[in-house]
Each structure stands twice: as C-alpha cells, then as structure tokens.
Amino acid sequence: MSDFFEQVYEVVKQVPPGRVTTYGAIAAYLGASGAARMVGWAMNASGRHSGFVPAHRVVNRNGLLTGKRHFGAPDVMRELLENEGVEIFEDQIVGFEQKFWDPSRELEPLD
C-alpha cells in the first residue's frame, strides 16, 4: 500500500460520525490538489487496510454517494451514513454544506 493511501486513511479516520468530506478536500489537504481520483482509489482499497477506515464518510464534491457500489450492496453506504444521522435523498447528502468536514480547516497543517 502506498504512503499516499496511508495518509488518506489517516485523514478519513478523523472525519467525525455524522459528517462527510470529499475526495478533493482530502487531496487538497495532503498537498495533492489534482489527486481526487487517487483518493477514490484509496477508498476502494480501504477494506485491505489493517484498521477501520470510515470510507462511507467520503463523497464527491456535490455530496453524491458516488462510491456506494464499492460497499458490497447498493444501500450499505447510505445506511451507514443514515445510522450516523446524515439524511440522504436520491443518493445525495441533504444539507451537504452543513455536514461537510474540511480537513484543511479541522486538522493541523501538514509539515
């Protein structure tokens, strides 16, 4: 597993329950603004990570559950988020702006 993937997982582990972040926000925090797709690849591989990675809390820039097909069943990602109090309508986070957790604001800057 790449160091970049490990960095992504460390950020995702800090997203609080009931909040979501985006592939692009994680990439930007890690100093790799154009690497949102690579963050997505890391989320797809997160099941092979030794610890729990709450990948269900990572959505696209519009609050859409674009990674839902990688959770084994089509409704798992939605169910995990709803269990944390996140409202979903037609695969989109309701009140996305209020639920958005920006690692660049919430975490200490990287060295």
Protein backbone atom coordinates (compact mmCIF):
# COMPACT_ATOMS: atom_id res chain seq x y z
CA MET A 1 0.00 0.00 0.00
CA SER A 2 1.36 3.42 -0.90
CA ASP A 3 2.30 6.11 1.58
CA PHE A 4 -0.28 8.34 -0.10
CA PHE A 5 -3.02 5.80 0.63
CA GLU A 6 -1.89 5.61 4.26
CA GLN A 7 -2.04 9.42 4.52
CA VAL A 8 -5.56 9.36 3.06
CA TYR A 9 -6.65 6.76 5.61
CA GLU A 10 -5.27 8.82 8.49
CA VAL A 11 -7.34 11.81 7.35
CA VAL A 12 -10.51 9.76 6.79
CA LYS A 13 -10.22 8.18 10.25
CA GLN A 14 -10.60 11.69 11.71
CA VAL A 15 -13.88 12.53 9.97
CA PRO A 16 -16.42 12.61 12.81
CA PRO A 17 -19.56 10.45 12.71
CA GLY A 18 -22.42 12.36 11.11
CA ARG A 19 -20.09 14.43 8.93
CA VAL A 20 -18.72 13.90 5.43
CA THR A 21 -15.76 15.08 3.42
CA THR A 22 -14.84 14.89 -0.24
CA TYR A 23 -12.16 13.21 -2.31
CA GLY A 24 -10.94 16.64 -3.42
CA ALA A 25 -10.83 18.11 0.09
CA ILE A 26 -8.65 15.22 1.25
CA ALA A 27 -6.35 15.58 -1.77
CA ALA A 28 -6.03 19.33 -1.20
CA TYR A 29 -5.21 18.84 2.48
CA LEU A 30 -2.49 16.37 1.52
CA GLY A 31 -0.99 18.90 -0.91
CA ALA A 32 -2.11 16.98 -3.98
CA SER A 33 -4.99 19.12 -5.26
CA GLY A 34 -5.33 17.26 -8.56
CA ALA A 35 -5.41 13.83 -6.94
CA ALA A 36 -9.10 13.43 -6.02
CA ARG A 37 -9.32 10.32 -8.19
CA MET A 38 -6.34 8.81 -6.38
CA VAL A 39 -8.15 9.42 -3.07
CA GLY A 40 -11.05 7.48 -4.59
CA TRP A 41 -8.71 4.61 -5.41
CA ALA A 42 -7.51 4.67 -1.81
CA MET A 43 -11.12 4.47 -0.61
CA ASN A 44 -11.73 1.50 -2.92
CA ALA A 45 -8.72 -0.26 -1.37
CA SER A 46 -9.53 0.71 2.22
CA GLY A 47 -11.01 -2.70 3.01
CA ARG A 48 -7.49 -4.11 2.85
CA HIS A 49 -6.22 -1.59 5.43
CA SER A 50 -5.43 -3.09 8.82
CA GLY A 51 -7.64 -0.65 10.76
CA PHE A 52 -11.17 0.66 10.32
CA VAL A 53 -11.42 3.39 7.68
CA PRO A 54 -14.87 5.07 7.61
CA ALA A 55 -14.86 5.31 3.81
CA HIS A 56 -18.63 5.84 3.83
CA ARG A 57 -17.94 9.41 5.02
CA VAL A 58 -16.20 10.35 1.76
CA VAL A 59 -18.44 11.62 -1.05
CA ASN A 60 -17.97 13.62 -4.22
CA ARG A 61 -17.81 17.42 -4.32
CA ASN A 62 -21.58 17.66 -4.76
CA GLY A 63 -22.40 15.39 -1.83
CA LEU A 64 -23.27 12.40 -4.02
CA LEU A 65 -22.64 8.84 -2.84
CA THR A 66 -20.52 8.02 -5.87
CA GLY A 67 -18.60 5.26 -4.06
CA LYS A 68 -21.68 3.33 -2.98
CA ARG A 69 -21.09 0.44 -5.36
CA HIS A 70 -17.88 -0.44 -3.51
CA PHE A 71 -19.64 -1.35 -0.27
CA GLY A 72 -20.84 -4.81 -1.28
CA ALA A 73 -24.51 -3.90 -1.60
CA PRO A 74 -26.03 -0.75 -3.13
CA ASP A 75 -27.59 0.55 0.10
CA VAL A 76 -24.75 -0.05 2.58
CA MET A 77 -23.10 3.37 2.25
CA ARG A 78 -26.45 5.15 2.62
CA GLU A 79 -27.40 3.01 5.63
CA LEU A 80 -24.08 3.67 7.37
CA LEU A 81 -24.49 7.42 6.91
CA GLU A 82 -28.15 7.40 7.96
CA ASN A 83 -27.19 5.48 11.11
CA GLU A 84 -24.95 8.46 11.92
CA GLY A 85 -27.78 10.94 11.42
CA VAL A 86 -26.99 12.00 7.85
CA GLU A 87 -30.09 12.46 5.70
CA ILE A 88 -29.85 11.16 2.13
CA PHE A 89 -32.24 11.81 -0.75
CA GLU A 90 -31.67 10.16 -4.13
CA ASP A 91 -28.05 9.30 -3.24
CA GLN A 92 -27.23 12.88 -2.22
CA ILE A 93 -26.46 14.32 1.22
CA VAL A 94 -29.26 16.64 2.36
CA GLY A 95 -27.74 19.83 3.78
CA PHE A 96 -24.33 18.90 2.40
CA GLU A 97 -22.82 22.30 3.28
CA GLN A 98 -23.67 21.79 6.97
CA LYS A 99 -22.40 18.19 7.02
CA PHE A 100 -19.18 18.97 5.15
CA TRP A 101 -16.00 18.46 7.18
CA ASP A 102 -12.97 20.19 5.63
CA PRO A 103 -9.67 18.66 6.78
CA SER A 104 -7.84 21.87 5.83
CA ARG A 105 -9.89 23.72 8.44
CA GLU A 106 -10.28 20.98 11.04
CA LEU A 107 -6.77 19.48 11.14
CA GLU A 108 -3.35 20.92 11.78
CA PRO A 109 -1.44 21.79 8.60
CA LEU A 110 0.90 19.10 7.33
CA ASP A 111 4.64 19.76 7.52
